[in-house]
């Protein structure tokens, strides 16, 4: 098994995911609820293979474990160490390029981003359902709900815009322009939230036939200011198992997503309505996200297409929040 720098980054990322007990135990419980002895299972985005291993523990006779990255070599070694390599077929490829010799009873996919959609789980599971799943087969997760709210996070916007560089007489305009077109994982607290959070989408993967990627809503604001939007998800893994990543629930590695504005929108003294639109543009196993906000004064348009894809990795590496 060859190692490279990207694999070390992936191992660090997967360590954070697997050490999140809320996430890992929830998927384990759902898999044990839904997998029956003798089932064929497809695990899309298997990573280090843990969910595939849970399926074997639950009685699956075979698991097709698919991942695009070379971390799948780590998964193979773990399977070998646990003497279950003969029950798992590891496939390093995009699941959309894979043809399986048989249909599956269950599809599992933990390709869920901080806001739910960033890893294109909708496209992944729609393709999986159409190409891998037996009629009446099961999917984990069954459903995902997306929530959004206007927020004001003191100092957050200034920090991500690299305003601290001005302390060293360095112009930060270019970095600032890039930064406001990216989304950021963050831990929101109740005082950050300036309006009642709204459910903007409910996606049922079991019944999914087509996907809507445009979500619109409105918020009423009064006596507050905002510098972004906060988003999170609630996933139904099975009839008895849910993961809720809201700031009102126990913290997870997903945290919440911060969608910055270019500037602080000052206090809405009188009751005012803002219009919000989120657009998701799938691109392979990822996506570009737009967030557009219209106030009574002006409109704000953002898209991760104009951001630097590696900037969040940079912030994670150096602990900038």
C-alpha atoms as a PDB file:
ATOM      1  CA  UNK A   1       0.000   0.000   0.000  1.00  0.00           C
ATOM      2  CA  UNK A   2       1.600   3.261  -1.161  1.00  0.00           C
ATOM      3  CA  UNK A   3       1.114   6.440   0.849  1.00  0.00           C
ATOM      4  CA  UNK A   4       1.143  10.025  -0.366  1.00  0.00           C
ATOM      5  CA  UNK A   5       0.433  13.459   1.045  1.00  0.00           C
ATOM      6  CA  UNK A   6      -3.212  13.419  -0.064  1.00  0.00           C
ATOM      7  CA  UNK A   7      -3.753  10.117   1.736  1.00  0.00           C
ATOM      8  CA  UNK A   8      -2.428  11.567   4.995  1.00  0.00           C
ATOM      9  CA  UNK A   9      -4.936  14.407   4.635  1.00  0.00           C
ATOM     10  CA  UNK A  10      -7.738  11.913   3.961  1.00  0.00           C
ATOM     11  CA  UNK A  11      -6.789   9.829   6.986  1.00  0.00           C
ATOM     12  CA  UNK A  12      -6.973  12.922   9.172  1.00  0.00           C
ATOM     13  CA  UNK A  13     -10.379  13.767   7.708  1.00  0.00           C
ATOM     14  CA  UNK A  14     -11.724  10.245   8.250  1.00  0.00           C
ATOM     15  CA  UNK A  15     -10.325  10.154  11.772  1.00  0.00           C
ATOM     16  CA  UNK A  16     -12.464  13.181  12.587  1.00  0.00           C
ATOM     17  CA  UNK A  17     -15.539  11.530  11.074  1.00  0.00           C
ATOM     18  CA  UNK A  18     -15.082   8.150  12.748  1.00  0.00           C
ATOM     19  CA  UNK A  19     -14.290   9.658  16.141  1.00  0.00           C
ATOM     20  CA  UNK A  20     -17.641  11.473  15.973  1.00  0.00           C
ATOM     21  CA  UNK A  21     -19.622   8.973  18.048  1.00  0.00           C
ATOM     22  CA  UNK A  22     -22.985  10.550  17.200  1.00  0.00           C
ATOM     23  CA  UNK A  23     -22.340   9.961  13.500  1.00  0.00           C
ATOM     24  CA  UNK A  24     -20.715   6.550  13.703  1.00  0.00           C
ATOM     25  CA  UNK A  25     -23.071   5.013  16.267  1.00  0.00           C
ATOM     26  CA  UNK A  26     -26.113   6.328  14.408  1.00  0.00           C
ATOM     27  CA  UNK A  27     -25.018   4.699  11.155  1.00  0.00           C
ATOM     28  CA  UNK A  28     -24.120   1.496  13.006  1.00  0.00           C
ATOM     29  CA  UNK A  29     -27.568   1.352  14.620  1.00  0.00           C
ATOM     30  CA  UNK A  30     -29.369   2.066  11.340  1.00  0.00           C
ATOM     31  CA  UNK A  31     -27.349  -0.563   9.477  1.00  0.00           C
ATOM     32  CA  UNK A  32     -28.108  -3.180  12.130  1.00  0.00           C
ATOM     33  CA  UNK A  33     -31.798  -2.273  11.875  1.00  0.00           C
ATOM     34  CA  UNK A  34     -32.024  -2.460   8.099  1.00  0.00           C
ATOM     35  CA  UNK A  35     -29.535  -5.118   6.947  1.00  0.00           C
ATOM     36  CA  UNK A  36     -30.867  -8.673   7.007  1.00  0.00           C
ATOM     37  CA  UNK A  37     -28.767 -11.872   6.931  1.00  0.00           C
ATOM     38  CA  UNK A  38     -27.861 -12.706   3.340  1.00  0.00           C
ATOM     39  CA  UNK A  39     -28.351  -9.167   1.993  1.00  0.00           C
ATOM     40  CA  UNK A  40     -26.224  -7.662  -0.755  1.00  0.00           C
ATOM     41  CA  UNK A  41     -25.146  -4.133   0.165  1.00  0.00           C
ATOM     42  CA  UNK A  42     -23.556  -1.275  -1.785  1.00  0.00           C
ATOM     43  CA  UNK A  43     -21.568   1.281   0.228  1.00  0.00           C
ATOM     44  CA  UNK A  44     -20.945   4.384  -1.887  1.00  0.00           C
ATOM     45  CA  UNK A  45     -18.133   6.586  -0.599  1.00  0.00           C
ATOM     46  CA  UNK A  46     -16.834   3.816   1.645  1.00  0.00           C
ATOM     47  CA  UNK A  47     -13.713   5.699   2.783  1.00  0.00           C
ATOM     48  CA  UNK A  48     -12.009   3.552   5.415  1.00  0.00           C
ATOM     49  CA  UNK A  49     -14.764   0.961   5.019  1.00  0.00           C
ATOM     50  CA  UNK A  50     -16.358   1.199   8.458  1.00  0.00           C
ATOM     51  CA  UNK A  51     -19.959   1.218   7.226  1.00  0.00           C
ATOM     52  CA  UNK A  52     -19.211  -1.748   4.977  1.00  0.00           C
ATOM     53  CA  UNK A  53     -17.802  -3.581   8.002  1.00  0.00           C
ATOM     54  CA  UNK A  54     -20.956  -2.793   9.976  1.00  0.00           C
ATOM     55  CA  UNK A  55     -23.011  -4.321   7.145  1.00  0.00           C
ATOM     56  CA  UNK A  56     -20.973  -7.536   7.337  1.00  0.00           C
ATOM     57  CA  UNK A  57     -21.401  -7.587  11.125  1.00  0.00           C
ATOM     58  CA  UNK A  58     -25.162  -7.233  10.580  1.00  0.00           C
ATOM     59  CA  UNK A  59     -25.198 -10.328   8.380  1.00  0.00           C
ATOM     60  CA  UNK A  60     -24.712  -9.123   4.801  1.00  0.00           C
ATOM     61  CA  UNK A  61     -23.309 -11.861   2.580  1.00  0.00           C
ATOM     62  CA  UNK A  62     -21.528  -9.386   0.302  1.00  0.00           C
ATOM     63  CA  UNK A  63     -20.739  -5.685   0.236  1.00  0.00           C
ATOM     64  CA  UNK A  64     -19.628  -3.695  -2.802  1.00  0.00           C
ATOM     65  CA  UNK A  65     -17.554  -0.868  -1.298  1.00  0.00           C
ATOM     66  CA  UNK A  66     -16.976   2.002  -3.734  1.00  0.00           C
ATOM     67  CA  UNK A  67     -14.745   5.050  -3.375  1.00  0.00           C
ATOM     68  CA  UNK A  68     -12.897   7.302  -5.805  1.00  0.00           C
ATOM     69  CA  UNK A  69      -9.830   7.888  -3.626  1.00  0.00           C
ATOM     70  CA  UNK A  70      -6.854   5.735  -2.758  1.00  0.00           C
ATOM     71  CA  UNK A  71      -7.986   5.596   0.870  1.00  0.00           C
ATOM     72  CA  UNK A  72      -9.783   2.466  -0.291  1.00  0.00           C
ATOM     73  CA  UNK A  73      -6.396   0.720   0.059  1.00  0.00           C
ATOM     74  CA  UNK A  74      -6.567   1.475   3.777  1.00  0.00           C
ATOM     75  CA  UNK A  75     -10.080  -0.008   3.874  1.00  0.00           C
ATOM     76  CA  UNK A  76      -8.806  -3.184   2.201  1.00  0.00           C
ATOM     77  CA  UNK A  77      -6.072  -3.560   4.794  1.00  0.00           C
ATOM     78  CA  UNK A  78      -8.522  -3.080   7.664  1.00  0.00           C
ATOM     79  CA  UNK A  79     -10.805  -5.712   6.102  1.00  0.00           C
ATOM     80  CA  UNK A  80      -7.826  -8.052   5.778  1.00  0.00           C
ATOM     81  CA  UNK A  81      -6.870  -7.447   9.421  1.00  0.00           C
ATOM     82  CA  UNK A  82     -10.434  -8.290  10.473  1.00  0.00           C
ATOM     83  CA  UNK A  83     -10.630 -11.408   8.244  1.00  0.00           C
ATOM     84  CA  UNK A  84     -13.597 -10.168   6.212  1.00  0.00           C
ATOM     85  CA  UNK A  85     -11.814  -9.298   2.966  1.00  0.00           C
ATOM     86  CA  UNK A  86     -13.477 -12.230   1.205  1.00  0.00           C
ATOM     87  CA  UNK A  87     -16.930 -10.722   1.822  1.00  0.00           C
ATOM     88  CA  UNK A  88     -16.208  -7.230   0.463  1.00  0.00           C
ATOM     89  CA  UNK A  89     -15.547  -6.220  -3.132  1.00  0.00           C
ATOM     90  CA  UNK A  90     -13.595  -2.955  -3.103  1.00  0.00           C
ATOM     91  CA  UNK A  91     -13.948  -0.782  -6.207  1.00  0.00           C
ATOM     92  CA  UNK A  92     -11.909   2.369  -6.684  1.00  0.00           C
ATOM     93  CA  UNK A  93     -13.983   4.407  -9.099  1.00  0.00           C
ATOM     94  CA  UNK A  94     -16.771   6.952  -9.338  1.00  0.00           C
ATOM     95  CA  UNK A  95     -19.978   5.063  -8.561  1.00  0.00           C
ATOM     96  CA  UNK A  96     -21.517   6.514 -11.731  1.00  0.00           C
ATOM     97  CA  UNK A  97     -18.924   4.603 -13.743  1.00  0.00           C
ATOM     98  CA  UNK A  98     -19.473   1.286 -11.958  1.00  0.00           C
ATOM     99  CA  UNK A  99     -21.481  -1.661 -13.301  1.00  0.00           C
ATOM    100  CA  UNK A 100     -22.234  -4.354 -10.722  1.00  0.00           C
ATOM    101  CA  UNK A 101     -22.931  -8.022 -11.511  1.00  0.00           C
ATOM    102  CA  UNK A 102     -26.010  -8.091  -9.271  1.00  0.00           C
ATOM    103  CA  UNK A 103     -28.603  -5.818  -7.699  1.00  0.00           C
ATOM    104  CA  UNK A 104     -28.390  -4.838  -4.032  1.00  0.00           C
ATOM    105  CA  UNK A 105     -30.886  -5.053  -1.215  1.00  0.00           C
ATOM    106  CA  UNK A 106     -29.517  -1.903   0.445  1.00  0.00           C
ATOM    107  CA  UNK A 107     -27.504   1.151  -0.561  1.00  0.00           C
ATOM    108  CA  UNK A 108     -25.571   3.011   2.114  1.00  0.00           C
ATOM    109  CA  UNK A 109     -23.943   6.357   1.445  1.00  0.00           C
ATOM    110  CA  UNK A 110     -22.490   8.758   3.965  1.00  0.00           C
ATOM    111  CA  UNK A 111     -21.626  11.403   1.384  1.00  0.00           C
ATOM    112  CA  UNK A 112     -23.166  14.154   3.471  1.00  0.00           C
ATOM    113  CA  UNK A 113     -21.618  17.603   3.682  1.00  0.00           C
ATOM    114  CA  UNK A 114     -21.940  20.127   6.489  1.00  0.00           C
ATOM    115  CA  UNK A 115     -25.023  21.554   4.762  1.00  0.00           C
ATOM    116  CA  UNK A 116     -25.991  18.123   3.487  1.00  0.00           C
ATOM    117  CA  UNK A 117     -25.494  18.636  -0.239  1.00  0.00           C
ATOM    118  CA  UNK A 118     -21.829  19.506  -0.757  1.00  0.00           C
ATOM    119  CA  UNK A 119     -20.772  15.972  -1.749  1.00  0.00           C
ATOM    120  CA  UNK A 120     -23.684  15.603  -4.186  1.00  0.00           C
ATOM    121  CA  UNK A 121     -25.488  12.934  -2.183  1.00  0.00           C
ATOM    122  CA  UNK A 122     -28.671  13.564  -4.193  1.00  0.00           C
ATOM    123  CA  UNK A 123     -27.059  12.694  -7.508  1.00  0.00           C
ATOM    124  CA  UNK A 124     -25.166   9.793  -5.964  1.00  0.00           C
ATOM    125  CA  UNK A 125     -28.248   8.154  -4.460  1.00  0.00           C
ATOM    126  CA  UNK A 126     -30.478   8.830  -7.468  1.00  0.00           C
ATOM    127  CA  UNK A 127     -27.961   7.078  -9.713  1.00  0.00           C
ATOM    128  CA  UNK A 128     -27.485   4.314  -7.148  1.00  0.00           C
ATOM    129  CA  UNK A 129     -31.220   3.709  -6.862  1.00  0.00           C
ATOM    130  CA  UNK A 130     -31.632   3.553 -10.632  1.00  0.00           C
ATOM    131  CA  UNK A 131     -28.626   1.303 -11.277  1.00  0.00           C
ATOM    132  CA  UNK A 132     -27.766  -0.741  -8.171  1.00  0.00           C
ATOM    133  CA  UNK A 133     -30.919  -1.275  -6.133  1.00  0.00           C
ATOM    134  CA  UNK A 134     -33.481  -4.054  -6.341  1.00  0.00           C
ATOM    135  CA  UNK A 135     -37.142  -2.973  -6.618  1.00  0.00           C
ATOM    136  CA  UNK A 136     -38.291  -2.183  -3.099  1.00  0.00           C
ATOM    137  CA  UNK A 137     -34.717  -1.990  -1.839  1.00  0.00           C
ATOM    138  CA  UNK A 138     -33.638   0.153   1.096  1.00  0.00           C
ATOM    139  CA  UNK A 139     -31.472   3.273   1.279  1.00  0.00           C
ATOM    140  CA  UNK A 140     -29.480   4.730   4.181  1.00  0.00           C
ATOM    141  CA  UNK A 141     -30.080   7.616   4.742  1.00  0.00           C
ATOM    142  CA  UNK A 142     -33.797   7.568   3.951  1.00  0.00           C
ATOM    143  CA  UNK A 143     -34.302  11.298   4.079  1.00  0.00           C
ATOM    144  CA  UNK A 144     -32.541  14.591   4.669  1.00  0.00           C
ATOM    145  CA  UNK A 145     -33.946  17.965   5.736  1.00  0.00           C
ATOM    146  CA  UNK A 146     -32.126  21.258   5.137  1.00  0.00           C
ATOM    147  CA  UNK A 147     -32.471  24.236   7.484  1.00  0.00           C
ATOM    148  CA  UNK A 148     -31.418  27.863   7.064  1.00  0.00           C
ATOM    149  CA  UNK A 149     -31.419  31.044   9.138  1.00  0.00           C
ATOM    150  CA  UNK A 150     -29.890  34.547   9.013  1.00  0.00           C
ATOM    151  CA  UNK A 151     -27.031  34.932  11.507  1.00  0.00           C
ATOM    152  CA  UNK A 152     -24.737  37.511  12.993  1.00  0.00           C
ATOM    153  CA  UNK A 153     -21.417  36.105  14.194  1.00  0.00           C
ATOM    154  CA  UNK A 154     -19.321  38.787  15.884  1.00  0.00           C
ATOM    155  CA  UNK A 155     -15.910  39.083  14.190  1.00  0.00           C
ATOM    156  CA  UNK A 156     -16.505  36.054  11.933  1.00  0.00           C
ATOM    157  CA  UNK A 157     -16.798  37.943   8.680  1.00  0.00           C
ATOM    158  CA  UNK A 158     -13.774  40.125   9.396  1.00  0.00           C
ATOM    159  CA  UNK A 159     -11.678  37.076  10.215  1.00  0.00           C
ATOM    160  CA  UNK A 160     -12.516  35.076   7.105  1.00  0.00           C
ATOM    161  CA  UNK A 161     -11.894  38.194   4.985  1.00  0.00           C
ATOM    162  CA  UNK A 162      -8.311  38.311   6.298  1.00  0.00           C
ATOM    163  CA  UNK A 163      -8.849  41.743   7.819  1.00  0.00           C
ATOM    164  CA  UNK A 164      -6.016  41.024  10.285  1.00  0.00           C
ATOM    165  CA  UNK A 165      -3.515  41.519   7.446  1.00  0.00           C
ATOM    166  CA  UNK A 166      -4.213  45.245   7.656  1.00  0.00           C
ATOM    167  CA  UNK A 167      -2.371  45.203  10.976  1.00  0.00           C
ATOM    168  CA  UNK A 168       0.770  44.537   8.924  1.00  0.00           C
ATOM    169  CA  UNK A 169       0.010  47.154   6.246  1.00  0.00           C
ATOM    170  CA  UNK A 170      -0.865  44.429   3.727  1.00  0.00           C
ATOM    171  CA  UNK A 171      -3.737  44.840   1.277  1.00  0.00           C
ATOM    172  CA  UNK A 172      -6.156  41.947   1.696  1.00  0.00           C
ATOM    173  CA  UNK A 173      -8.645  42.806  -1.066  1.00  0.00           C
ATOM    174  CA  UNK A 174      -7.923  39.794  -3.297  1.00  0.00           C
ATOM    175  CA  UNK A 175      -8.081  37.330  -0.407  1.00  0.00           C
ATOM    176  CA  UNK A 176     -11.259  38.958   0.835  1.00  0.00           C
ATOM    177  CA  UNK A 177     -12.936  38.612  -2.563  1.00  0.00           C
ATOM    178  CA  UNK A 178     -12.120  34.908  -2.611  1.00  0.00           C
ATOM    179  CA  UNK A 179     -13.088  34.289   1.002  1.00  0.00           C
ATOM    180  CA  UNK A 180     -16.650  35.633   0.806  1.00  0.00           C
ATOM    181  CA  UNK A 181     -17.396  33.152  -1.989  1.00  0.00           C
ATOM    182  CA  UNK A 182     -16.696  30.129   0.172  1.00  0.00           C
ATOM    183  CA  UNK A 183     -18.715  28.385   2.852  1.00  0.00           C
ATOM    184  CA  UNK A 184     -17.275  27.589   6.290  1.00  0.00           C
ATOM    185  CA  UNK A 185     -17.893  24.951   8.908  1.00  0.00           C
ATOM    186  CA  UNK A 186     -18.537  26.640  12.219  1.00  0.00           C
ATOM    187  CA  UNK A 187     -20.192  26.083  15.584  1.00  0.00           C
ATOM    188  CA  UNK A 188     -23.140  28.446  15.795  1.00  0.00           C
ATOM    189  CA  UNK A 189     -24.606  29.385  19.160  1.00  0.00           C
ATOM    190  CA  UNK A 190     -28.115  30.538  19.941  1.00  0.00           C
ATOM    191  CA  UNK A 191     -27.115  34.200  20.166  1.00  0.00           C
ATOM    192  CA  UNK A 192     -25.867  34.083  16.546  1.00  0.00           C
ATOM    193  CA  UNK A 193     -29.346  33.296  15.243  1.00  0.00           C
ATOM    194  CA  UNK A 194     -31.433  36.382  14.516  1.00  0.00           C
ATOM    195  CA  UNK A 195     -34.577  34.805  13.035  1.00  0.00           C
ATOM    196  CA  UNK A 196     -36.495  31.560  13.375  1.00  0.00           C
ATOM    197  CA  UNK A 197     -34.730  28.818  11.341  1.00  0.00           C
ATOM    198  CA  UNK A 198     -36.722  27.489   8.413  1.00  0.00           C
ATOM    199  CA  UNK A 199     -36.935  24.107   6.738  1.00  0.00           C
ATOM    200  CA  UNK A 200     -36.066  24.863   3.100  1.00  0.00           C
ATOM    201  CA  UNK A 201     -36.042  21.348   1.652  1.00  0.00           C
ATOM    202  CA  UNK A 202     -37.015  17.786   2.543  1.00  0.00           C
ATOM    203  CA  UNK A 203     -35.500  15.139   0.274  1.00  0.00           C
ATOM    204  CA  UNK A 204     -36.750  11.550   0.447  1.00  0.00           C
ATOM    205  CA  UNK A 205     -34.106   9.299  -1.106  1.00  0.00           C
ATOM    206  CA  UNK A 206     -36.312   6.214  -1.092  1.00  0.00           C
ATOM    207  CA  UNK A 207     -38.842   7.882  -3.393  1.00  0.00           C
ATOM    208  CA  UNK A 208     -36.470  10.167  -5.267  1.00  0.00           C
ATOM    209  CA  UNK A 209     -37.064  10.306  -9.016  1.00  0.00           C
ATOM    210  CA  UNK A 210     -35.830  13.797  -9.830  1.00  0.00           C
ATOM    211  CA  UNK A 211     -33.930  16.453  -7.927  1.00  0.00           C
ATOM    212  CA  UNK A 212     -34.665  20.116  -7.304  1.00  0.00           C
ATOM    213  CA  UNK A 213     -31.548  22.162  -6.695  1.00  0.00           C
ATOM    214  CA  UNK A 214     -33.172  25.554  -6.044  1.00  0.00           C
ATOM    215  CA  UNK A 215     -34.439  26.479  -2.575  1.00  0.00           C
ATOM    216  CA  UNK A 216     -36.161  29.775  -1.764  1.00  0.00           C
ATOM    217  CA  UNK A 217     -37.479  31.262   1.455  1.00  0.00           C
ATOM    218  CA  UNK A 218     -38.055  34.550   3.298  1.00  0.00           C
ATOM    219  CA  UNK A 219     -37.183  35.806   6.758  1.00  0.00           C
ATOM    220  CA  UNK A 220     -38.683  38.625   8.809  1.00  0.00           C
ATOM    221  CA  UNK A 221     -36.071  40.677  10.670  1.00  0.00           C
ATOM    222  CA  UNK A 222     -36.326  43.474  13.196  1.00  0.00           C
ATOM    223  CA  UNK A 223     -33.822  45.230  15.487  1.00  0.00           C
ATOM    224  CA  UNK A 224     -30.872  43.153  14.317  1.00  0.00           C
ATOM    225  CA  UNK A 225     -27.992  42.994  11.890  1.00  0.00           C
ATOM    226  CA  UNK A 226     -26.683  40.050   9.868  1.00  0.00           C
ATOM    227  CA  UNK A 227     -23.367  39.061   8.288  1.00  0.00           C
ATOM    228  CA  UNK A 228     -24.352  35.732   6.799  1.00  0.00           C
ATOM    229  CA  UNK A 229     -26.586  32.687   6.774  1.00  0.00           C
ATOM    230  CA  UNK A 230     -26.347  29.586   8.899  1.00  0.00           C
ATOM    231  CA  UNK A 231     -27.333  26.170   7.595  1.00  0.00           C
ATOM    232  CA  UNK A 232     -27.510  22.575   8.825  1.00  0.00           C
ATOM    233  CA  UNK A 233     -29.308  19.299   8.184  1.00  0.00           C
ATOM    234  CA  UNK A 234     -31.320  16.590   9.864  1.00  0.00           C
ATOM    235  CA  UNK A 235     -30.925  13.099   8.403  1.00  0.00           C
ATOM    236  CA  UNK A 236     -33.296  10.186   8.895  1.00  0.00           C
ATOM    237  CA  UNK A 237     -31.186   7.038   8.645  1.00  0.00           C
ATOM    238  CA  UNK A 238     -33.965   4.617   9.559  1.00  0.00           C
ATOM    239  CA  UNK A 239     -37.358   4.726  11.227  1.00  0.00           C
ATOM    240  CA  UNK A 240     -35.673   4.948  14.639  1.00  0.00           C
ATOM    241  CA  UNK A 241     -32.382   6.707  13.915  1.00  0.00           C
ATOM    242  CA  UNK A 242     -31.819  10.399  13.192  1.00  0.00           C
ATOM    243  CA  UNK A 243     -28.812  12.729  13.059  1.00  0.00           C
ATOM    244  CA  UNK A 244     -29.535  16.380  13.829  1.00  0.00           C
ATOM    245  CA  UNK A 245     -26.679  18.836  13.282  1.00  0.00           C
ATOM    246  CA  UNK A 246     -28.515  21.962  14.420  1.00  0.00           C
ATOM    247  CA  UNK A 247     -26.843  24.300  16.938  1.00  0.00           C
ATOM    248  CA  UNK A 248     -29.545  23.224  19.413  1.00  0.00           C
ATOM    249  CA  UNK A 249     -28.405  19.569  19.319  1.00  0.00           C
ATOM    250  CA  UNK A 250     -25.281  17.784  20.522  1.00  0.00           C
ATOM    251  CA  UNK A 251     -22.250  18.861  18.447  1.00  0.00           C
ATOM    252  CA  UNK A 252     -20.973  16.704  15.587  1.00  0.00           C
ATOM    253  CA  UNK A 253     -17.979  16.880  13.261  1.00  0.00           C
ATOM    254  CA  UNK A 254     -20.289  18.416  10.631  1.00  0.00           C
ATOM    255  CA  UNK A 255     -20.875  21.474  12.847  1.00  0.00           C
ATOM    256  CA  UNK A 256     -22.981  24.017  10.886  1.00  0.00           C
ATOM    257  CA  UNK A 257     -22.338  25.884   7.645  1.00  0.00           C
ATOM    258  CA  UNK A 258     -21.693  29.619   7.551  1.00  0.00           C
ATOM    259  CA  UNK A 259     -22.540  31.408   4.281  1.00  0.00           C
ATOM    260  CA  UNK A 260     -20.890  34.847   4.530  1.00  0.00           C
ATOM    261  CA  UNK A 261     -22.101  38.126   3.097  1.00  0.00           C
ATOM    262  CA  UNK A 262     -19.727  40.651   1.544  1.00  0.00           C
ATOM    263  CA  UNK A 263     -20.510  43.024   4.392  1.00  0.00           C
ATOM    264  CA  UNK A 264     -22.456  43.427   7.598  1.00  0.00           C
ATOM    265  CA  UNK A 265     -26.032  44.429   6.929  1.00  0.00           C
ATOM    266  CA  UNK A 266     -26.816  46.945   9.635  1.00  0.00           C
ATOM    267  CA  UNK A 267     -29.760  46.890  12.008  1.00  0.00           C
ATOM    268  CA  UNK A 268     -33.232  46.425  10.630  1.00  0.00           C
ATOM    269  CA  UNK A 269     -35.012  48.892  12.928  1.00  0.00           C
ATOM    270  CA  UNK A 270     -38.428  48.334  11.412  1.00  0.00           C
ATOM    271  CA  UNK A 271     -39.787  44.945  10.494  1.00  0.00           C
ATOM    272  CA  UNK A 272     -38.250  43.966   7.182  1.00  0.00           C
ATOM    273  CA  UNK A 273     -38.359  40.918   4.935  1.00  0.00           C
ATOM    274  CA  UNK A 274     -35.312  39.480   3.223  1.00  0.00           C
ATOM    275  CA  UNK A 275     -35.532  36.990   0.374  1.00  0.00           C
ATOM    276  CA  UNK A 276     -33.038  34.123   0.280  1.00  0.00           C
ATOM    277  CA  UNK A 277     -32.244  31.730  -2.546  1.00  0.00           C
ATOM    278  CA  UNK A 278     -29.884  28.743  -2.435  1.00  0.00           C
ATOM    279  CA  UNK A 279     -28.851  27.071  -5.693  1.00  0.00           C
ATOM    280  CA  UNK A 280     -26.917  23.837  -5.845  1.00  0.00           C
ATOM    281  CA  UNK A 281     -24.919  22.975  -8.991  1.00  0.00           C
ATOM    282  CA  UNK A 282     -23.684  19.345  -8.937  1.00  0.00           C
ATOM    283  CA  UNK A 283     -20.234  18.689 -10.323  1.00  0.00           C
ATOM    284  CA  UNK A 284     -19.127  15.057 -10.085  1.00  0.00           C
ATOM    285  CA  UNK A 285     -18.888  14.127  -6.407  1.00  0.00           C
ATOM    286  CA  UNK A 286     -19.049  17.758  -5.355  1.00  0.00           C
ATOM    287  CA  UNK A 287     -21.048  20.850  -6.194  1.00  0.00           C
ATOM    288  CA  UNK A 288     -20.964  24.609  -6.489  1.00  0.00           C
ATOM    289  CA  UNK A 289     -23.346  26.470  -4.196  1.00  0.00           C
ATOM    290  CA  UNK A 290     -24.907  29.892  -4.766  1.00  0.00           C
ATOM    291  CA  UNK A 291     -26.495  31.936  -2.020  1.00  0.00           C
ATOM    292  CA  UNK A 292     -28.375  35.076  -2.976  1.00  0.00           C
ATOM    293  CA  UNK A 293     -29.938  37.514  -0.539  1.00  0.00           C
ATOM    294  CA  UNK A 294     -32.219  40.436  -1.355  1.00  0.00           C
ATOM    295  CA  UNK A 295     -32.885  43.124   1.244  1.00  0.00           C
ATOM    296  CA  UNK A 296     -34.868  46.334   0.874  1.00  0.00           C
ATOM    297  CA  UNK A 297     -31.589  48.125   0.166  1.00  0.00           C
ATOM    298  CA  UNK A 298     -29.544  45.854  -2.112  1.00  0.00           C
ATOM    299  CA  UNK A 299     -28.895  42.338  -3.356  1.00  0.00           C
ATOM    300  CA  UNK A 300     -25.975  40.056  -2.479  1.00  0.00           C
ATOM    301  CA  UNK A 301     -24.791  37.289  -4.796  1.00  0.00           C
ATOM    302  CA  UNK A 302     -22.255  34.625  -3.832  1.00  0.00           C
ATOM    303  CA  UNK A 303     -21.058  31.405  -5.421  1.00  0.00           C
ATOM    304  CA  UNK A 304     -18.363  28.928  -4.464  1.00  0.00           C
ATOM    305  CA  UNK A 305     -17.510  28.834  -8.180  1.00  0.00           C
ATOM    306  CA  UNK A 306     -15.752  32.160  -7.531  1.00  0.00           C
ATOM    307  CA  UNK A 307     -14.038  30.868  -4.417  1.00  0.00           C
ATOM    308  CA  UNK A 308     -10.802  28.970  -3.971  1.00  0.00           C
ATOM    309  CA  UNK A 309     -11.607  25.247  -3.529  1.00  0.00           C
ATOM    310  CA  UNK A 310      -8.730  24.638  -1.130  1.00  0.00           C
ATOM    311  CA  UNK A 311      -9.328  27.606   1.160  1.00  0.00           C
ATOM    312  CA  UNK A 312     -11.463  25.665   3.665  1.00  0.00           C
ATOM    313  CA  UNK A 313      -8.761  22.997   3.847  1.00  0.00           C
ATOM    314  CA  UNK A 314      -6.263  25.783   4.597  1.00  0.00           C
ATOM    315  CA  UNK A 315      -8.485  27.132   7.379  1.00  0.00           C
ATOM    316  CA  UNK A 316      -8.953  23.615   8.826  1.00  0.00           C
ATOM    317  CA  UNK A 317      -5.225  22.900   8.737  1.00  0.00           C
ATOM    318  CA  UNK A 318      -4.357  26.080  10.608  1.00  0.00           C
ATOM    319  CA  UNK A 319      -7.267  26.051  13.009  1.00  0.00           C
ATOM    320  CA  UNK A 320      -8.807  29.295  11.800  1.00  0.00           C
ATOM    321  CA  UNK A 321     -12.504  29.555  12.660  1.00  0.00           C
END
